[in-house]
Amino acid sequence: MSKPEDSQLFEQPLLSQEEIAKRNEEIKKHFISYGILTGILAAMMIILLLFTILSRKSWRNGLREEVIQVLEQEESSYKVGDWVKLSNPFTTSSAVYKISEKGNSNKWLYAIIIRITTLYGPAGAVYVYDLKSDKAVFMGFADIKSDVVKQLTENSRYSQINYWQKRIPSILKGSLGEKEEVKQ
């Protein structure tokens, strides 16, 4: 058997023109299918993003109402103000609101509602933080019936409640920054 010359190997096409055209059509169909799938996924992501952006305000208002409810249950004399933007990773599981004592609108405090782990699962705990004294005080749990609150508070008093009570000053002090300190 004779060995073909190098020039003969390159002259012979591996695929015929018809086969090349057929494969190009198949590839074209696959690109169209992938393009449609990518477009559907992109549209779904945009819709999810829009719903998230549109629901932010109602989420903040709902948490504000929870804070008001807890403060009223504790018979405190606080007036809840505006939402405060945090510049740290805790924004995914907490919200901060300016509050003032009803008789003294010059002194601003902060109410923070933060998701903590309890024996009954995650629960929203409300704390009041004073930037000047650098102390946080536990006020109660949000959206839990009064029968369970007492038991939940007693079970969590020395673990999660105290942990967050000590942790909140460092979170808020670093996040609120000097700008808020000057306002006080």
N, C-alpha and C. Protein backbone atom coordinates (compact mmCIF):
# COMPACT_ATOMS: atom_id res chain seq x y z
N MET A 1 0.84 -1.17 0.00
CA MET A 1 0.00 0.00 0.00
C MET A 1 0.89 1.23 0.00
N SER A 2 0.56 2.12 -0.87
CA SER A 2 1.39 3.31 -0.98
C SER A 2 0.91 4.40 -0.04
N LYS A 3 1.82 5.16 0.41
CA LYS A 3 1.52 6.25 1.34
C LYS A 3 1.13 7.49 0.54
N PRO A 4 -0.02 8.16 0.89
CA PRO A 4 -0.40 9.35 0.12
C PRO A 4 0.54 10.50 0.42
N GLU A 5 0.70 11.32 -0.55
CA GLU A 5 1.56 12.48 -0.38
C GLU A 5 0.85 13.54 0.46
N ASP A 6 1.64 14.41 1.06
CA ASP A 6 1.08 15.46 1.90
C ASP A 6 0.14 16.36 1.12
N SER A 7 0.42 16.63 -0.11
CA SER A 7 -0.43 17.54 -0.90
C SER A 7 -1.79 16.89 -1.17
N GLN A 8 -1.86 15.59 -1.26
CA GLN A 8 -3.13 14.90 -1.49
C GLN A 8 -4.01 14.96 -0.25
N LEU A 9 -3.42 14.93 0.94
CA LEU A 9 -4.21 14.99 2.18
C LEU A 9 -4.95 16.32 2.30
N PHE A 10 -4.32 17.40 1.91
CA PHE A 10 -4.94 18.71 2.04
C PHE A 10 -5.91 19.01 0.92
N GLU A 11 -5.78 18.36 -0.17
CA GLU A 11 -6.68 18.60 -1.29
C GLU A 11 -8.02 17.92 -1.10
N GLN A 12 -8.03 16.83 -0.36
CA GLN A 12 -9.29 16.11 -0.17
C GLN A 12 -10.07 16.75 0.98
N PRO A 13 -11.28 17.24 0.72
CA PRO A 13 -12.07 17.83 1.81
C PRO A 13 -12.56 16.72 2.75
N LEU A 14 -12.59 17.05 4.05
CA LEU A 14 -13.05 16.09 5.02
C LEU A 14 -14.58 15.95 4.95
N LEU A 15 -15.27 17.06 4.71
CA LEU A 15 -16.72 17.05 4.57
C LEU A 15 -17.09 17.68 3.25
N SER A 16 -18.16 17.21 2.71
CA SER A 16 -18.62 17.81 1.45
C SER A 16 -19.31 19.13 1.75
N GLN A 17 -19.52 19.92 0.75
CA GLN A 17 -20.17 21.22 0.90
C GLN A 17 -21.59 21.07 1.44
N GLU A 18 -22.28 20.01 1.03
CA GLU A 18 -23.65 19.78 1.53
C GLU A 18 -23.65 19.46 3.02
N GLU A 19 -22.67 18.65 3.45
CA GLU A 19 -22.58 18.30 4.86
C GLU A 19 -22.24 19.53 5.71
N ILE A 20 -21.35 20.37 5.20
CA ILE A 20 -20.98 21.60 5.90
C ILE A 20 -22.20 22.51 6.03
N ALA A 21 -22.97 22.65 4.97
CA ALA A 21 -24.16 23.50 5.00
C ALA A 21 -25.19 22.94 5.98
N LYS A 22 -25.33 21.61 5.99
CA LYS A 22 -26.27 20.97 6.90
C LYS A 22 -25.87 21.20 8.36
N ARG A 23 -24.57 21.06 8.66
CA ARG A 23 -24.08 21.28 10.03
C ARG A 23 -24.22 22.74 10.44
N ASN A 24 -23.99 23.64 9.51
CA ASN A 24 -24.15 25.07 9.81
C ASN A 24 -25.60 25.38 10.16
N GLU A 25 -26.54 24.75 9.50
CA GLU A 25 -27.96 24.94 9.81
C GLU A 25 -28.30 24.40 11.20
N GLU A 26 -27.72 23.23 11.54
CA GLU A 26 -27.95 22.66 12.86
C GLU A 26 -27.39 23.58 13.96
N ILE A 27 -26.18 24.09 13.73
CA ILE A 27 -25.56 25.00 14.69
C ILE A 27 -26.40 26.27 14.84
N LYS A 28 -26.90 26.75 13.71
CA LYS A 28 -27.74 27.95 13.72
C LYS A 28 -29.00 27.73 14.56
N LYS A 29 -29.61 26.54 14.41
CA LYS A 29 -30.81 26.21 15.18
C LYS A 29 -30.49 26.14 16.68
N HIS A 30 -29.33 25.56 17.02
CA HIS A 30 -28.93 25.47 18.42
C HIS A 30 -28.69 26.87 19.01
N PHE A 31 -28.04 27.74 18.25
CA PHE A 31 -27.81 29.11 18.73
C PHE A 31 -29.14 29.84 18.96
N ILE A 32 -30.09 29.63 18.08
CA ILE A 32 -31.40 30.26 18.25
C ILE A 32 -32.08 29.72 19.50
N SER A 33 -32.02 28.41 19.72
CA SER A 33 -32.62 27.81 20.92
C SER A 33 -31.96 28.34 22.19
N TYR A 34 -30.63 28.39 22.20
CA TYR A 34 -29.92 28.90 23.36
C TYR A 34 -30.20 30.39 23.58
N GLY A 35 -30.33 31.13 22.50
CA GLY A 35 -30.65 32.55 22.59
C GLY A 35 -32.02 32.76 23.21
N ILE A 36 -33.00 31.94 22.80
CA ILE A 36 -34.35 32.05 23.36
C ILE A 36 -34.32 31.71 24.85
N LEU A 37 -33.62 30.64 25.20
CA LEU A 37 -33.51 30.25 26.61
C LEU A 37 -32.84 31.35 27.43
N THR A 38 -31.77 31.91 26.92
CA THR A 38 -31.07 33.00 27.61
C THR A 38 -31.99 34.21 27.76
N GLY A 39 -32.75 34.52 26.73
CA GLY A 39 -33.69 35.64 26.80
C GLY A 39 -34.76 35.42 27.85
N ILE A 40 -35.29 34.19 27.92
CA ILE A 40 -36.31 33.87 28.93
C ILE A 40 -35.73 34.00 30.34
N LEU A 41 -34.52 33.46 30.56
CA LEU A 41 -33.88 33.56 31.87
C LEU A 41 -33.60 35.02 32.24
N ALA A 42 -33.12 35.81 31.28
CA ALA A 42 -32.85 37.22 31.55
C ALA A 42 -34.14 37.96 31.89
N ALA A 43 -35.22 37.67 31.18
CA ALA A 43 -36.51 38.31 31.46
C ALA A 43 -37.01 37.94 32.86
N MET A 44 -36.85 36.68 33.24
CA MET A 44 -37.27 36.26 34.58
C MET A 44 -36.45 36.96 35.65
N MET A 45 -35.15 37.10 35.44
CA MET A 45 -34.30 37.79 36.41
C MET A 45 -34.70 39.27 36.53
N ILE A 46 -35.00 39.90 35.42
CA ILE A 46 -35.42 41.30 35.44
C ILE A 46 -36.75 41.45 36.18
N ILE A 47 -37.68 40.53 35.95
CA ILE A 47 -38.97 40.58 36.65
C ILE A 47 -38.77 40.41 38.16
N LEU A 48 -37.93 39.45 38.56
CA LEU A 48 -37.64 39.26 39.99
C LEU A 48 -36.99 40.50 40.60
N LEU A 49 -36.07 41.10 39.88
CA LEU A 49 -35.41 42.31 40.36
C LEU A 49 -36.41 43.45 40.52
N LEU A 50 -37.30 43.61 39.55
CA LEU A 50 -38.31 44.66 39.64
C LEU A 50 -39.25 44.45 40.83
N PHE A 51 -39.69 43.21 41.04
CA PHE A 51 -40.55 42.93 42.19
C PHE A 51 -39.83 43.23 43.50
N THR A 52 -38.55 42.92 43.56
CA THR A 52 -37.77 43.20 44.77
C THR A 52 -37.67 44.70 45.01
N ILE A 53 -37.39 45.44 43.97
CA ILE A 53 -37.27 46.90 44.11
C ILE A 53 -38.60 47.52 44.48
N LEU A 54 -39.67 47.05 43.85
CA LEU A 54 -40.99 47.62 44.12
C LEU A 54 -41.52 47.26 45.51
N SER A 55 -41.10 46.14 46.06
CA SER A 55 -41.62 45.72 47.37
C SER A 55 -40.79 46.25 48.53
N ARG A 56 -39.69 46.91 48.27
CA ARG A 56 -38.83 47.42 49.34
C ARG A 56 -39.55 48.36 50.29
N LYS A 57 -40.31 49.29 49.73
CA LYS A 57 -41.00 50.28 50.56
C LYS A 57 -42.04 49.62 51.46
N SER A 58 -42.81 48.69 50.91
CA SER A 58 -43.82 48.03 51.74
C SER A 58 -43.16 47.15 52.80
N TRP A 59 -42.01 46.56 52.49
CA TRP A 59 -41.27 45.76 53.46
C TRP A 59 -40.82 46.66 54.62
N ARG A 60 -40.26 47.82 54.29
CA ARG A 60 -39.81 48.76 55.33
C ARG A 60 -40.98 49.24 56.17
N ASN A 61 -42.10 49.55 55.54
CA ASN A 61 -43.28 50.01 56.28
C ASN A 61 -43.82 48.91 57.19
N GLY A 62 -43.80 47.67 56.72
CA GLY A 62 -44.24 46.54 57.55
C GLY A 62 -43.37 46.37 58.78
N LEU A 63 -42.05 46.47 58.59
CA LEU A 63 -41.14 46.36 59.73
C LEU A 63 -41.31 47.54 60.68
N ARG A 64 -41.57 48.71 60.12
CA ARG A 64 -41.81 49.90 60.95
C ARG A 64 -43.04 49.68 61.84
N GLU A 65 -44.08 49.11 61.27
CA GLU A 65 -45.29 48.82 62.04
C GLU A 65 -45.02 47.80 63.15
N GLU A 66 -44.18 46.83 62.86
CA GLU A 66 -43.81 45.84 63.88
C GLU A 66 -43.06 46.51 65.03
N VAL A 67 -42.16 47.42 64.70
CA VAL A 67 -41.41 48.14 65.73
C VAL A 67 -42.37 48.97 66.58
N ILE A 68 -43.30 49.66 65.92
CA ILE A 68 -44.29 50.47 66.64
C ILE A 68 -45.10 49.58 67.58
N GLN A 69 -45.53 48.43 67.10
CA GLN A 69 -46.34 47.51 67.90
C GLN A 69 -45.57 47.04 69.14
N VAL A 70 -44.31 46.67 68.97
CA VAL A 70 -43.51 46.21 70.11
C VAL A 70 -43.30 47.34 71.11
N LEU A 71 -43.01 48.53 70.62
CA LEU A 71 -42.79 49.66 71.53
C LEU A 71 -44.07 50.02 72.28
N GLU A 72 -45.22 49.89 71.63
CA GLU A 72 -46.49 50.16 72.30
C GLU A 72 -46.80 49.09 73.35
N GLN A 73 -46.47 47.84 73.06
CA GLN A 73 -46.68 46.76 74.03
C GLN A 73 -45.85 46.98 75.29
N GLU A 74 -44.67 47.53 75.11
CA GLU A 74 -43.79 47.79 76.24
C GLU A 74 -44.15 49.10 76.93
N GLU A 75 -45.21 49.73 76.49
CA GLU A 75 -45.71 50.99 77.05
C GLU A 75 -44.62 52.05 77.10
N SER A 76 -43.81 52.10 76.05
CA SER A 76 -42.79 53.12 75.97
C SER A 76 -43.36 54.36 75.30
N SER A 77 -42.69 55.45 75.47
CA SER A 77 -43.19 56.71 74.91
C SER A 77 -42.31 57.15 73.75
N TYR A 78 -42.16 56.27 72.78
CA TYR A 78 -41.32 56.58 71.62
C TYR A 78 -42.17 56.82 70.39
N LYS A 79 -41.71 57.74 69.57
CA LYS A 79 -42.34 58.01 68.28
C LYS A 79 -41.35 57.52 67.21
N VAL A 80 -41.81 56.62 66.36
CA VAL A 80 -40.94 56.02 65.35
C VAL A 80 -40.86 56.92 64.13
N GLY A 81 -39.64 57.20 63.71
CA GLY A 81 -39.41 58.07 62.57
C GLY A 81 -39.03 57.31 61.32
N ASP A 82 -38.08 57.86 60.59
CA ASP A 82 -37.69 57.33 59.28
C ASP A 82 -36.75 56.14 59.39
N TRP A 83 -36.72 55.38 58.30
CA TRP A 83 -35.80 54.26 58.16
C TRP A 83 -34.40 54.81 57.96
N VAL A 84 -33.40 54.14 58.54
CA VAL A 84 -32.01 54.56 58.43
C VAL A 84 -31.26 53.51 57.62
N LYS A 85 -30.56 53.95 56.61
CA LYS A 85 -29.79 53.04 55.76
C LYS A 85 -28.50 52.63 56.47
N LEU A 86 -28.28 51.33 56.54
CA LEU A 86 -27.05 50.80 57.11
C LEU A 86 -26.05 50.51 56.00
N SER A 87 -24.78 50.65 56.31
CA SER A 87 -23.76 50.35 55.31
C SER A 87 -22.93 49.16 55.77
N ASN A 88 -23.63 48.05 56.02
CA ASN A 88 -22.94 46.82 56.40
C ASN A 88 -23.79 45.62 56.02
N PRO A 89 -23.25 44.41 56.14
CA PRO A 89 -23.99 43.22 55.71
C PRO A 89 -25.23 42.89 56.54
N PHE A 90 -25.43 43.53 57.67
CA PHE A 90 -26.58 43.22 58.52
C PHE A 90 -27.90 43.72 57.94
N THR A 91 -27.85 44.45 56.85
CA THR A 91 -29.09 44.98 56.26
C THR A 91 -30.00 43.87 55.74
N THR A 92 -29.47 42.69 55.51
CA THR A 92 -30.31 41.60 55.01
C THR A 92 -31.18 41.00 56.10
N SER A 93 -30.79 41.17 57.36
CA SER A 93 -31.58 40.58 58.44
C SER A 93 -31.96 41.59 59.51
N SER A 94 -31.91 42.88 59.18
CA SER A 94 -32.27 43.89 60.17
C SER A 94 -32.73 45.17 59.48
N ALA A 95 -33.36 46.02 60.26
CA ALA A 95 -33.76 47.35 59.80
C ALA A 95 -33.64 48.30 60.97
N VAL A 96 -33.25 49.54 60.70
CA VAL A 96 -33.05 50.53 61.74
C VAL A 96 -33.95 51.73 61.46
N TYR A 97 -34.58 52.25 62.53
CA TYR A 97 -35.45 53.41 62.42
C TYR A 97 -35.05 54.42 63.49
N LYS A 98 -35.13 55.70 63.11
CA LYS A 98 -34.91 56.75 64.11
C LYS A 98 -36.15 56.82 64.97
N ILE A 99 -35.96 56.96 66.26
CA ILE A 99 -37.09 57.14 67.17
C ILE A 99 -36.77 58.30 68.10
N SER A 100 -37.80 58.92 68.61
CA SER A 100 -37.62 59.99 69.59
C SER A 100 -38.63 59.79 70.70
N GLU A 101 -38.27 60.30 71.87
CA GLU A 101 -39.22 60.25 72.97
C GLU A 101 -40.31 61.27 72.66
N LYS A 102 -41.55 60.93 72.94
CA LYS A 102 -42.68 61.77 72.55
C LYS A 102 -42.60 63.18 73.14
N GLY A 103 -42.10 63.33 74.33
CA GLY A 103 -41.99 64.65 74.95
C GLY A 103 -40.71 65.39 74.58
N ASN A 104 -39.71 64.66 74.06
CA ASN A 104 -38.40 65.25 73.79
C ASN A 104 -37.99 64.91 72.36
N SER A 105 -38.33 65.77 71.42
CA SER A 105 -38.03 65.49 70.01
C SER A 105 -36.59 65.85 69.64
N ASN A 106 -35.83 66.43 70.58
CA ASN A 106 -34.45 66.79 70.29
C ASN A 106 -33.51 65.60 70.42
N LYS A 107 -33.85 64.63 71.26
CA LYS A 107 -32.98 63.48 71.48
C LYS A 107 -33.43 62.32 70.58
N TRP A 108 -32.57 61.96 69.65
CA TRP A 108 -32.87 60.85 68.73
C TRP A 108 -32.21 59.57 69.22
N LEU A 109 -32.99 58.52 69.19
CA LEU A 109 -32.50 57.18 69.49
C LEU A 109 -32.73 56.34 68.23
N TYR A 110 -32.35 55.09 68.29
CA TYR A 110 -32.55 54.19 67.16
C TYR A 110 -33.23 52.92 67.61
N ALA A 111 -34.21 52.49 66.84
CA ALA A 111 -34.86 51.20 67.08
C ALA A 111 -34.36 50.27 65.98
N ILE A 112 -33.89 49.12 66.38
CA ILE A 112 -33.41 48.14 65.40
C ILE A 112 -34.23 46.87 65.58
N ILE A 113 -34.73 46.36 64.47
CA ILE A 113 -35.39 45.06 64.47
C ILE A 113 -34.45 44.12 63.73
N ILE A 114 -34.08 43.06 64.40
CA ILE A 114 -33.09 42.13 63.83
C ILE A 114 -33.58 40.70 64.01
N ARG A 115 -33.34 39.90 63.01
CA ARG A 115 -33.76 38.49 63.06
C ARG A 115 -32.75 37.71 63.90
N ILE A 116 -33.25 37.10 64.98
CA ILE A 116 -32.39 36.29 65.83
C ILE A 116 -32.94 34.86 65.89
N THR A 117 -32.07 33.94 66.22
CA THR A 117 -32.46 32.54 66.32
C THR A 117 -32.92 32.25 67.74
N THR A 118 -34.08 31.62 67.85
CA THR A 118 -34.61 31.23 69.16
C THR A 118 -34.92 29.73 69.12
N LEU A 119 -35.40 29.21 70.22
CA LEU A 119 -35.78 27.80 70.27
C LEU A 119 -36.93 27.49 69.32
N TYR A 120 -37.73 28.50 69.00
CA TYR A 120 -38.89 28.32 68.13
C TYR A 120 -38.62 28.72 66.68
N GLY A 121 -37.38 28.98 66.35
CA GLY A 121 -37.03 29.40 65.01
C GLY A 121 -36.66 30.87 64.99
N PRO A 122 -36.46 31.44 63.81
CA PRO A 122 -36.09 32.85 63.72
C PRO A 122 -37.23 33.76 64.16
N ALA A 123 -36.88 34.83 64.86
CA ALA A 123 -37.87 35.79 65.32
C ALA A 123 -37.26 37.19 65.25
N GLY A 124 -38.12 38.19 65.02
CA GLY A 124 -37.67 39.57 64.98
C GLY A 124 -37.60 40.15 66.38
N ALA A 125 -36.42 40.54 66.79
CA ALA A 125 -36.22 41.14 68.11
C ALA A 125 -36.03 42.64 67.94
N VAL A 126 -36.67 43.42 68.79
CA VAL A 126 -36.59 44.88 68.71
C VAL A 126 -35.74 45.38 69.88
N TYR A 127 -34.76 46.21 69.53
CA TYR A 127 -33.89 46.83 70.51
C TYR A 127 -33.95 48.34 70.32
N VAL A 128 -33.71 49.09 71.39
CA VAL A 128 -33.56 50.53 71.32
C VAL A 128 -32.11 50.85 71.64
N TYR A 129 -31.48 51.63 70.75
CA TYR A 129 -30.06 51.95 70.88
C TYR A 129 -29.89 53.45 71.05
N ASP A 130 -29.11 53.83 72.05
CA ASP A 130 -28.77 55.23 72.29
C ASP A 130 -27.31 55.41 71.90
N LEU A 131 -27.08 56.26 70.90
CA LEU A 131 -25.73 56.45 70.38
C LEU A 131 -24.82 57.13 71.41
N LYS A 132 -25.38 58.03 72.21
CA LYS A 132 -24.56 58.75 73.20
C LYS A 132 -24.07 57.82 74.31
N SER A 133 -24.97 57.01 74.86
CA SER A 133 -24.56 56.10 75.94
C SER A 133 -23.99 54.80 75.39
N ASP A 134 -24.14 54.58 74.10
CA ASP A 134 -23.61 53.39 73.42
C ASP A 134 -24.16 52.10 74.04
N LYS A 135 -25.47 52.10 74.32
CA LYS A 135 -26.13 50.94 74.91
C LYS A 135 -27.37 50.58 74.12
N ALA A 136 -27.63 49.28 74.03
CA ALA A 136 -28.84 48.77 73.40
C ALA A 136 -29.68 48.09 74.47
N VAL A 137 -30.99 48.29 74.40
CA VAL A 137 -31.92 47.70 75.37
C VAL A 137 -32.93 46.86 74.61
N PHE A 138 -33.11 45.63 75.04
CA PHE A 138 -34.08 44.73 74.40
C PHE A 138 -35.48 45.18 74.79
N MET A 139 -36.36 45.32 73.77
CA MET A 139 -37.73 45.76 74.02
C MET A 139 -38.74 44.63 73.89
N GLY A 140 -38.51 43.69 72.98
CA GLY A 140 -39.44 42.59 72.82
C GLY A 140 -39.33 41.95 71.45
N PHE A 141 -40.18 40.94 71.23
CA PHE A 141 -40.22 40.23 69.97
C PHE A 141 -41.38 40.73 69.12
N ALA A 142 -41.15 40.83 67.83
CA ALA A 142 -42.18 41.31 66.91
C ALA A 142 -43.06 40.17 66.43
N ASP A 143 -44.32 40.45 66.28
CA ASP A 143 -45.30 39.56 65.66
C ASP A 143 -45.40 38.19 66.33
N ILE A 144 -45.31 38.18 67.63
CA ILE A 144 -45.49 36.94 68.38
C ILE A 144 -46.56 37.20 69.43
N LYS A 145 -47.46 36.27 69.61
CA LYS A 145 -48.54 36.41 70.57
C LYS A 145 -47.98 36.54 71.99
N SER A 146 -48.67 37.29 72.82
CA SER A 146 -48.16 37.60 74.16
C SER A 146 -47.95 36.37 75.04
N ASP A 147 -48.70 35.29 74.78
CA ASP A 147 -48.51 34.07 75.58
C ASP A 147 -47.12 33.47 75.37
N VAL A 148 -46.65 33.52 74.17
CA VAL A 148 -45.38 32.90 73.83
C VAL A 148 -44.21 33.83 74.12
N VAL A 149 -44.45 35.14 74.07
CA VAL A 149 -43.36 36.11 74.22
C VAL A 149 -42.63 35.94 75.55
N LYS A 150 -43.36 35.77 76.62
CA LYS A 150 -42.74 35.65 77.94
C LYS A 150 -41.82 34.42 78.00
N GLN A 151 -42.33 33.30 77.50
CA GLN A 151 -41.53 32.08 77.51
C GLN A 151 -40.33 32.21 76.58
N LEU A 152 -40.55 32.79 75.42
CA LEU A 152 -39.48 32.98 74.45
C LEU A 152 -38.39 33.90 75.00
N THR A 153 -38.81 34.96 75.66
CA THR A 153 -37.86 35.90 76.25
C THR A 153 -37.04 35.23 77.35
N GLU A 154 -37.70 34.47 78.19
CA GLU A 154 -36.97 33.80 79.27
C GLU A 154 -36.00 32.76 78.74
N ASN A 155 -36.39 32.04 77.71
CA ASN A 155 -35.50 31.01 77.14
C ASN A 155 -34.32 31.61 76.41
N SER A 156 -34.49 32.79 75.85
CA SER A 156 -33.43 33.41 75.05
C SER A 156 -32.67 34.50 75.79
N ARG A 157 -33.09 34.83 76.99
CA ARG A 157 -32.55 35.99 77.72
C ARG A 157 -31.03 35.96 77.83
N TYR A 158 -30.47 34.83 78.18
CA TYR A 158 -29.04 34.80 78.45
C TYR A 158 -28.21 34.31 77.28
N SER A 159 -28.84 34.05 76.17
CA SER A 159 -28.06 33.60 75.02
C SER A 159 -28.17 34.63 73.90
N GLN A 160 -29.18 34.50 73.07
CA GLN A 160 -29.30 35.35 71.89
C GLN A 160 -29.59 36.81 72.22
N ILE A 161 -30.49 37.06 73.15
CA ILE A 161 -30.86 38.44 73.47
C ILE A 161 -29.64 39.21 73.98
N ASN A 162 -28.91 38.63 74.90
CA ASN A 162 -27.71 39.32 75.42
C ASN A 162 -26.62 39.44 74.37
N TYR A 163 -26.47 38.41 73.54
CA TYR A 163 -25.46 38.48 72.49
C TYR A 163 -25.71 39.68 71.59
N TRP A 164 -26.94 39.83 71.10
CA TRP A 164 -27.25 40.94 70.19
C TRP A 164 -27.26 42.27 70.93
N GLN A 165 -27.62 42.26 72.19
CA GLN A 165 -27.59 43.50 72.96
C GLN A 165 -26.16 44.04 73.05
N LYS A 166 -25.20 43.15 73.15
CA LYS A 166 -23.79 43.56 73.20
C LYS A 166 -23.25 43.87 71.80
N ARG A 167 -23.78 43.20 70.80
CA ARG A 167 -23.27 43.32 69.43
C ARG A 167 -23.82 44.55 68.69
N ILE A 168 -25.06 44.95 68.98
CA ILE A 168 -25.71 46.05 68.26
C ILE A 168 -24.93 47.36 68.34
N PRO A 169 -24.39 47.77 69.51
CA PRO A 169 -23.64 49.04 69.52
C PRO A 169 -22.50 49.07 68.50
N SER A 170 -21.75 48.00 68.38
CA SER A 170 -20.64 48.01 67.42
C SER A 170 -21.15 48.01 65.98
N ILE A 171 -22.26 47.34 65.73
CA ILE A 171 -22.83 47.32 64.37
C ILE A 171 -23.31 48.71 63.99
N LEU A 172 -24.09 49.33 64.86
CA LEU A 172 -24.68 50.62 64.52
C LEU A 172 -23.68 51.76 64.58
N LYS A 173 -22.79 51.72 65.53
CA LYS A 173 -21.82 52.80 65.65
C LYS A 173 -20.94 52.87 64.41
N GLY A 174 -20.52 51.74 63.92
CA GLY A 174 -19.70 51.72 62.72
C GLY A 174 -20.50 52.03 61.47
N SER A 175 -21.76 51.68 61.46
CA SER A 175 -22.58 51.86 60.27
C SER A 175 -23.18 53.25 60.18
N LEU A 176 -23.58 53.82 61.31
CA LEU A 176 -24.17 55.15 61.29
C LEU A 176 -23.12 56.21 61.03
N GLY A 177 -21.94 56.00 61.55
CA GLY A 177 -20.83 56.89 61.26
C GLY A 177 -20.86 58.19 62.03
N GLU A 178 -19.86 59.01 61.76
CA GLU A 178 -19.70 60.29 62.45
C GLU A 178 -20.79 61.27 62.07
N LYS A 179 -21.35 61.15 60.90
CA LYS A 179 -22.39 62.06 60.43
C LYS A 179 -23.58 62.07 61.40
N GLU A 180 -23.99 60.90 61.87
CA GLU A 180 -25.11 60.80 62.80
C GLU A 180 -24.71 61.29 64.19
N GLU A 181 -23.44 61.09 64.57
CA GLU A 181 -23.00 61.53 65.89
C GLU A 181 -23.06 63.05 65.99
N VAL A 182 -22.71 63.75 64.91
CA VAL A 182 -22.72 65.20 64.91
C VAL A 182 -24.13 65.73 65.07
N LYS A 183 -25.12 65.06 64.48
CA LYS A 183 -26.51 65.50 64.53
C LYS A 183 -27.09 65.44 65.93
N GLN A 184 -26.57 64.57 66.78
CA GLN A 184 -27.15 64.37 68.10
C GLN A 184 -26.91 65.54 69.01
